[in-house]
Amino acid sequence: MRIQYVSKYLQLAEEGLVPRLECPMDQGLLMSNLDWEDKIYLYCTLCTYKNYLGVDSYEKIKSKVEKG
């Protein structure tokens, strides 16, 4: 998995071209990052929400970016 796809998706979401990824707790903006094992996770900028990106979600994001 490459974080570049997730970053590009978040950029497209800000432009209104794809659905936004929002925090399920407070609908805040989600950002992406890598942990020490290079696993991609999403985190909320307003609260402590953090969730690792699964393969299925990653493939959906990658597909939308490539179609974009």
PDB file of N, CA and C in Angstrom:
ATOM      1  N   MET A   1       0.842  -1.184   0.000  1.00  0.00           N
ATOM      2  CA  MET A   1       0.000   0.000   0.000  1.00  0.00           C
ATOM      3  C   MET A   1       0.884   1.243   0.000  1.00  0.00           C
ATOM      4  N   ARG A   2       0.432   2.235  -0.737  1.00  0.00           N
ATOM      5  CA  ARG A   2       1.185   3.483  -0.841  1.00  0.00           C
ATOM      6  C   ARG A   2       0.353   4.640  -0.289  1.00  0.00           C
ATOM      7  N   ILE A   3       0.951   5.379   0.621  1.00  0.00           N
ATOM      8  CA  ILE A   3       0.241   6.495   1.240  1.00  0.00           C
ATOM      9  C   ILE A   3      -0.059   7.608   0.236  1.00  0.00           C
ATOM     10  N   GLN A   4       0.665   7.649  -0.869  1.00  0.00           N
ATOM     11  CA  GLN A   4       0.438   8.676  -1.880  1.00  0.00           C
ATOM     12  C   GLN A   4      -0.985   8.624  -2.425  1.00  0.00           C
ATOM     13  N   TYR A   5      -1.532   7.408  -2.570  1.00  0.00           N
ATOM     14  CA  TYR A   5      -2.911   7.286  -3.042  1.00  0.00           C
ATOM     15  C   TYR A   5      -3.884   7.890  -2.032  1.00  0.00           C
ATOM     16  N   VAL A   6      -3.648   7.640  -0.770  1.00  0.00           N
ATOM     17  CA  VAL A   6      -4.530   8.165   0.272  1.00  0.00           C
ATOM     18  C   VAL A   6      -4.424   9.689   0.328  1.00  0.00           C
ATOM     19  N   SER A   7      -3.225  10.209   0.251  1.00  0.00           N
ATOM     20  CA  SER A   7      -3.025  11.659   0.259  1.00  0.00           C
ATOM     21  C   SER A   7      -3.705  12.315  -0.940  1.00  0.00           C
ATOM     22  N   LYS A   8      -3.581  11.707  -2.099  1.00  0.00           N
ATOM     23  CA  LYS A   8      -4.217  12.236  -3.307  1.00  0.00           C
ATOM     24  C   LYS A   8      -5.738  12.191  -3.162  1.00  0.00           C
ATOM     25  N   TYR A   9      -6.259  11.104  -2.596  1.00  0.00           N
ATOM     26  CA  TYR A   9      -7.704  10.992  -2.374  1.00  0.00           C
ATOM     27  C   TYR A   9      -8.181  12.126  -1.460  1.00  0.00           C
ATOM     28  N   LEU A  10      -7.472  12.374  -0.380  1.00  0.00           N
ATOM     29  CA  LEU A  10      -7.858  13.443   0.541  1.00  0.00           C
ATOM     30  C   LEU A  10      -7.832  14.797  -0.155  1.00  0.00           C
ATOM     31  N   GLN A  11      -6.870  14.986  -1.051  1.00  0.00           N
ATOM     32  CA  GLN A  11      -6.795  16.231  -1.821  1.00  0.00           C
ATOM     33  C   GLN A  11      -8.009  16.343  -2.751  1.00  0.00           C
ATOM     34  N   LEU A  12      -8.350  15.263  -3.438  1.00  0.00           N
ATOM     35  CA  LEU A  12      -9.514  15.267  -4.323  1.00  0.00           C
ATOM     36  C   LEU A  12     -10.796  15.512  -3.529  1.00  0.00           C
ATOM     37  N   ALA A  13     -10.867  14.986  -2.317  1.00  0.00           N
ATOM     38  CA  ALA A  13     -12.039  15.193  -1.470  1.00  0.00           C
ATOM     39  C   ALA A  13     -12.193  16.668  -1.101  1.00  0.00           C
ATOM     40  N   GLU A  14     -11.097  17.328  -0.824  1.00  0.00           N
ATOM     41  CA  GLU A  14     -11.148  18.759  -0.499  1.00  0.00           C
ATOM     42  C   GLU A  14     -11.619  19.583  -1.689  1.00  0.00           C
ATOM     43  N   GLU A  15     -11.352  19.079  -2.896  1.00  0.00           N
ATOM     44  CA  GLU A  15     -11.797  19.758  -4.115  1.00  0.00           C
ATOM     45  C   GLU A  15     -13.229  19.383  -4.483  1.00  0.00           C
ATOM     46  N   GLY A  16     -13.828  18.470  -3.710  1.00  0.00           N
ATOM     47  CA  GLY A  16     -15.204  18.064  -3.960  1.00  0.00           C
ATOM     48  C   GLY A  16     -15.365  17.038  -5.067  1.00  0.00           C
ATOM     49  N   LEU A  17     -14.281  16.388  -5.467  1.00  0.00           N
ATOM     50  CA  LEU A  17     -14.335  15.433  -6.577  1.00  0.00           C
ATOM     51  C   LEU A  17     -14.632  14.003  -6.143  1.00  0.00           C
ATOM     52  N   VAL A  18     -14.430  13.697  -4.879  1.00  0.00           N
ATOM     53  CA  VAL A  18     -14.739  12.391  -4.301  1.00  0.00           C
ATOM     54  C   VAL A  18     -15.329  12.641  -2.908  1.00  0.00           C
ATOM     55  N   PRO A  19     -16.045  11.659  -2.358  1.00  0.00           N
ATOM     56  CA  PRO A  19     -16.607  11.853  -1.015  1.00  0.00           C
ATOM     57  C   PRO A  19     -15.508  12.042   0.044  1.00  0.00           C
ATOM     58  N   ARG A  20     -15.786  12.923   0.992  1.00  0.00           N
ATOM     59  CA  ARG A  20     -14.835  13.170   2.080  1.00  0.00           C
ATOM     60  C   ARG A  20     -14.786  11.991   3.033  1.00  0.00           C
ATOM     61  N   LEU A  21     -13.623  11.767   3.605  1.00  0.00           N
ATOM     62  CA  LEU A  21     -13.472  10.801   4.688  1.00  0.00           C
ATOM     63  C   LEU A  21     -13.595  11.591   5.984  1.00  0.00           C
ATOM     64  N   GLU A  22     -14.654  11.318   6.741  1.00  0.00           N
ATOM     65  CA  GLU A  22     -14.920  12.076   7.960  1.00  0.00           C
ATOM     66  C   GLU A  22     -14.830  11.185   9.184  1.00  0.00           C
ATOM     67  N   CYS A  23     -14.477  11.784  10.282  1.00  0.00           N
ATOM     68  CA  CYS A  23     -14.406  11.090  11.561  1.00  0.00           C
ATOM     69  C   CYS A  23     -15.798  10.624  11.971  1.00  0.00           C
ATOM     70  N   PRO A  24     -15.943   9.361  12.358  1.00  0.00           N
ATOM     71  CA  PRO A  24     -17.255   8.882  12.795  1.00  0.00           C
ATOM     72  C   PRO A  24     -17.679   9.449  14.155  1.00  0.00           C
ATOM     73  N   MET A  25     -16.732  10.012  14.873  1.00  0.00           N
ATOM     74  CA  MET A  25     -17.034  10.561  16.202  1.00  0.00           C
ATOM     75  C   MET A  25     -17.594  11.983  16.130  1.00  0.00           C
ATOM     76  N   ASP A  26     -16.960  12.844  15.318  1.00  0.00           N
ATOM     77  CA  ASP A  26     -17.358  14.249  15.287  1.00  0.00           C
ATOM     78  C   ASP A  26     -17.395  14.862  13.888  1.00  0.00           C
ATOM     79  N   GLN A  27     -17.316  14.033  12.863  1.00  0.00           N
ATOM     80  CA  GLN A  27     -17.340  14.458  11.460  1.00  0.00           C
ATOM     81  C   GLN A  27     -16.214  15.430  11.110  1.00  0.00           C
ATOM     82  N   GLY A  28     -15.129  15.367  11.865  1.00  0.00           N
ATOM     83  CA  GLY A  28     -13.961  16.189  11.577  1.00  0.00           C
ATOM     84  C   GLY A  28     -13.174  15.647  10.394  1.00  0.00           C
ATOM     85  N   LEU A  29     -12.275  16.427   9.917  1.00  0.00           N
ATOM     86  CA  LEU A  29     -11.429  16.062   8.791  1.00  0.00           C
ATOM     87  C   LEU A  29     -10.460  14.952   9.190  1.00  0.00           C
ATOM     88  N   LEU A  30     -10.342  13.936   8.352  1.00  0.00           N
ATOM     89  CA  LEU A  30      -9.368  12.873   8.596  1.00  0.00           C
ATOM     90  C   LEU A  30      -8.115  13.130   7.779  1.00  0.00           C
ATOM     91  N   MET A  31      -6.989  12.881   8.385  1.00  0.00           N
ATOM     92  CA  MET A  31      -5.692  13.002   7.727  1.00  0.00           C
ATOM     93  C   MET A  31      -5.041  11.625   7.725  1.00  0.00           C
ATOM     94  N   SER A  32      -4.008  11.451   6.905  1.00  0.00           N
ATOM     95  CA  SER A  32      -3.331  10.150   6.830  1.00  0.00           C
ATOM     96  C   SER A  32      -1.901  10.262   7.328  1.00  0.00           C
ATOM     97  N   ASN A  33      -1.374   9.120   7.775  1.00  0.00           N
ATOM     98  CA  ASN A  33       0.006   9.057   8.236  1.00  0.00           C
ATOM     99  C   ASN A  33       0.443   7.604   8.227  1.00  0.00           C
ATOM    100  N   LEU A  34       1.727   7.379   8.444  1.00  0.00           N
ATOM    101  CA  LEU A  34       2.297   6.038   8.532  1.00  0.00           C
ATOM    102  C   LEU A  34       2.803   5.792   9.941  1.00  0.00           C
ATOM    103  N   ASP A  35       2.678   4.539  10.403  1.00  0.00           N
ATOM    104  CA  ASP A  35       3.273   4.203  11.689  1.00  0.00           C
ATOM    105  C   ASP A  35       4.690   3.662  11.454  1.00  0.00           C
ATOM    106  N   TRP A  36       5.328   3.160  12.512  1.00  0.00           N
ATOM    107  CA  TRP A  36       6.716   2.684  12.408  1.00  0.00           C
ATOM    108  C   TRP A  36       6.859   1.458  11.511  1.00  0.00           C
ATOM    109  N   GLU A  37       5.753   0.747  11.272  1.00  0.00           N
ATOM    110  CA  GLU A  37       5.792  -0.435  10.417  1.00  0.00           C
ATOM    111  C   GLU A  37       5.275  -0.132   9.010  1.00  0.00           C
ATOM    112  N   ASP A  38       5.192   1.151   8.668  1.00  0.00           N
ATOM    113  CA  ASP A  38       4.699   1.626   7.372  1.00  0.00           C
ATOM    114  C   ASP A  38       3.257   1.228   7.089  1.00  0.00           C
ATOM    115  N   LYS A  39       2.455   1.092   8.130  1.00  0.00           N
ATOM    116  CA  LYS A  39       1.029   0.855   7.973  1.00  0.00           C
ATOM    117  C   LYS A  39       0.342   2.217   7.937  1.00  0.00           C
ATOM    118  N   ILE A  40      -0.607   2.357   7.010  1.00  0.00           N
ATOM    119  CA  ILE A  40      -1.311   3.620   6.843  1.00  0.00           C
ATOM    120  C   ILE A  40      -2.461   3.701   7.847  1.00  0.00           C
ATOM    121  N   TYR A  41      -2.575   4.841   8.509  1.00  0.00           N
ATOM    122  CA  TYR A  41      -3.721   5.066   9.377  1.00  0.00           C
ATOM    123  C   TYR A  41      -4.308   6.443   9.115  1.00  0.00           C
ATOM    124  N   LEU A  42      -5.582   6.573   9.447  1.00  0.00           N
ATOM    125  CA  LEU A  42      -6.283   7.841   9.343  1.00  0.00           C
ATOM    126  C   LEU A  42      -6.524   8.349  10.757  1.00  0.00           C
ATOM    127  N   TYR A  43      -6.406   9.647  10.952  1.00  0.00           N
ATOM    128  CA  TYR A  43      -6.647  10.222  12.269  1.00  0.00           C
ATOM    129  C   TYR A  43      -7.430  11.512  12.131  1.00  0.00           C
ATOM    130  N   CYS A  44      -8.184  11.815  13.158  1.00  0.00           N
ATOM    131  CA  CYS A  44      -9.011  13.013  13.175  1.00  0.00           C
ATOM    132  C   CYS A  44      -8.192  14.201  13.679  1.00  0.00           C
ATOM    133  N   THR A  45      -8.418  15.346  13.065  1.00  0.00           N
ATOM    134  CA  THR A  45      -7.714  16.555  13.488  1.00  0.00           C
ATOM    135  C   THR A  45      -8.388  17.229  14.690  1.00  0.00           C
ATOM    136  N   LEU A  46      -9.605  16.764  15.051  1.00  0.00           N
ATOM    137  CA  LEU A  46     -10.339  17.397  16.151  1.00  0.00           C
ATOM    138  C   LEU A  46     -10.410  16.557  17.419  1.00  0.00           C
ATOM    139  N   CYS A  47     -10.229  15.250  17.300  1.00  0.00           N
ATOM    140  CA  CYS A  47     -10.336  14.389  18.479  1.00  0.00           C
ATOM    141  C   CYS A  47      -9.231  13.323  18.446  1.00  0.00           C
ATOM    142  N   THR A  48      -9.361  12.304  19.236  1.00  0.00           N
ATOM    143  CA  THR A  48      -8.319  11.275  19.329  1.00  0.00           C
ATOM    144  C   THR A  48      -8.575  10.065  18.440  1.00  0.00           C
ATOM    145  N   TYR A  49      -9.543  10.147  17.527  1.00  0.00           N
ATOM    146  CA  TYR A  49      -9.873   9.024  16.647  1.00  0.00           C
ATOM    147  C   TYR A  49      -8.679   8.652  15.768  1.00  0.00           C
ATOM    148  N   LYS A  50      -8.425   7.354  15.674  1.00  0.00           N
ATOM    149  CA  LYS A  50      -7.344   6.832  14.836  1.00  0.00           C
ATOM    150  C   LYS A  50      -7.776   5.454  14.359  1.00  0.00           C
ATOM    151  N   ASN A  51      -7.617   5.180  13.057  1.00  0.00           N
ATOM    152  CA  ASN A  51      -8.031   3.905  12.501  1.00  0.00           C
ATOM    153  C   ASN A  51      -7.078   3.507  11.376  1.00  0.00           C
ATOM    154  N   TYR A  52      -6.636   2.247  11.419  1.00  0.00           N
ATOM    155  CA  TYR A  52      -5.767   1.743  10.372  1.00  0.00           C
ATOM    156  C   TYR A  52      -6.586   1.407   9.139  1.00  0.00           C
ATOM    157  N   LEU A  53      -6.035   1.709   7.990  1.00  0.00           N
ATOM    158  CA  LEU A  53      -6.697   1.485   6.716  1.00  0.00           C
ATOM    159  C   LEU A  53      -6.562   0.024   6.310  1.00  0.00           C
ATOM    160  N   GLY A  54      -7.684  -0.624   6.054  1.00  0.00           N
ATOM    161  CA  GLY A  54      -7.679  -2.009   5.610  1.00  0.00           C
ATOM    162  C   GLY A  54      -7.471  -2.112   4.110  1.00  0.00           C
ATOM    163  N   VAL A  55      -7.220  -3.312   3.649  1.00  0.00           N
ATOM    164  CA  VAL A  55      -6.957  -3.547   2.229  1.00  0.00           C
ATOM    165  C   VAL A  55      -8.166  -3.158   1.378  1.00  0.00           C
ATOM    166  N   ASP A  56      -9.365  -3.521   1.805  1.00  0.00           N
ATOM    167  CA  ASP A  56     -10.564  -3.218   1.033  1.00  0.00           C
ATOM    168  C   ASP A  56     -10.753  -1.709   0.875  1.00  0.00           C
ATOM    169  N   SER A  57     -10.635  -0.980   1.970  1.00  0.00           N
ATOM    170  CA  SER A  57     -10.776   0.481   1.920  1.00  0.00           C
ATOM    171  C   SER A  57      -9.683   1.100   1.054  1.00  0.00           C
ATOM    172  N   TYR A  58      -8.471   0.596   1.197  1.00  0.00           N
ATOM    173  CA  TYR A  58      -7.357   1.109   0.394  1.00  0.00           C
ATOM    174  C   TYR A  58      -7.624   0.902  -1.096  1.00  0.00           C
ATOM    175  N   GLU A  59      -8.100  -0.277  -1.476  1.00  0.00           N
ATOM    176  CA  GLU A  59      -8.370  -0.569  -2.883  1.00  0.00           C
ATOM    177  C   GLU A  59      -9.460   0.349  -3.436  1.00  0.00           C
ATOM    178  N   LYS A  60     -10.474   0.667  -2.627  1.00  0.00           N
ATOM    179  CA  LYS A  60     -11.521   1.588  -3.063  1.00  0.00           C
ATOM    180  C   LYS A  60     -10.946   2.985  -3.283  1.00  0.00           C
ATOM    181  N   ILE A  61     -10.107   3.436  -2.361  1.00  0.00           N
ATOM    182  CA  ILE A  61      -9.465   4.745  -2.481  1.00  0.00           C
ATOM    183  C   ILE A  61      -8.576   4.779  -3.711  1.00  0.00           C
ATOM    184  N   LYS A  62      -7.761   3.770  -3.895  1.00  0.00           N
ATOM    185  CA  LYS A  62      -6.844   3.692  -5.039  1.00  0.00           C
ATOM    186  C   LYS A  62      -7.628   3.719  -6.348  1.00  0.00           C
ATOM    187  N   SER A  63      -8.725   2.993  -6.412  1.00  0.00           N
ATOM    188  CA  SER A  63      -9.548   2.949  -7.623  1.00  0.00           C
ATOM    189  C   SER A  63     -10.111   4.327  -7.965  1.00  0.00           C
ATOM    190  N   LYS A  64     -10.597   5.035  -6.961  1.00  0.00           N
ATOM    191  CA  LYS A  64     -11.162   6.366  -7.212  1.00  0.00           C
ATOM    192  C   LYS A  64     -10.089   7.355  -7.636  1.00  0.00           C
ATOM    193  N   VAL A  65      -8.895   7.232  -7.082  1.00  0.00           N
ATOM    194  CA  VAL A  65      -7.802   8.125  -7.457  1.00  0.00           C
ATOM    195  C   VAL A  65      -7.384   7.858  -8.905  1.00  0.00           C
ATOM    196  N   GLU A  66      -7.288   6.596  -9.272  1.00  0.00           N
ATOM    197  CA  GLU A  66      -6.868   6.248 -10.625  1.00  0.00           C
ATOM    198  C   GLU A  66      -7.911   6.651 -11.671  1.00  0.00           C
ATOM    199  N   LYS A  67      -9.190   6.652 -11.297  1.00  0.00           N
ATOM    200  CA  LYS A  67     -10.247   7.081 -12.211  1.00  0.00           C
ATOM    201  C   LYS A  67     -10.291   8.598 -12.321  1.00  0.00           C
ATOM    202  N   GLY A  68      -9.879   9.249 -11.218  1.00  0.00           N
ATOM    203  CA  GLY A  68      -9.980  10.657 -11.020  1.00  0.00           C
ATOM    204  C   GLY A  68      -9.569  11.576 -12.055  1.00  0.00           C
TER     205      GLY A  68
END
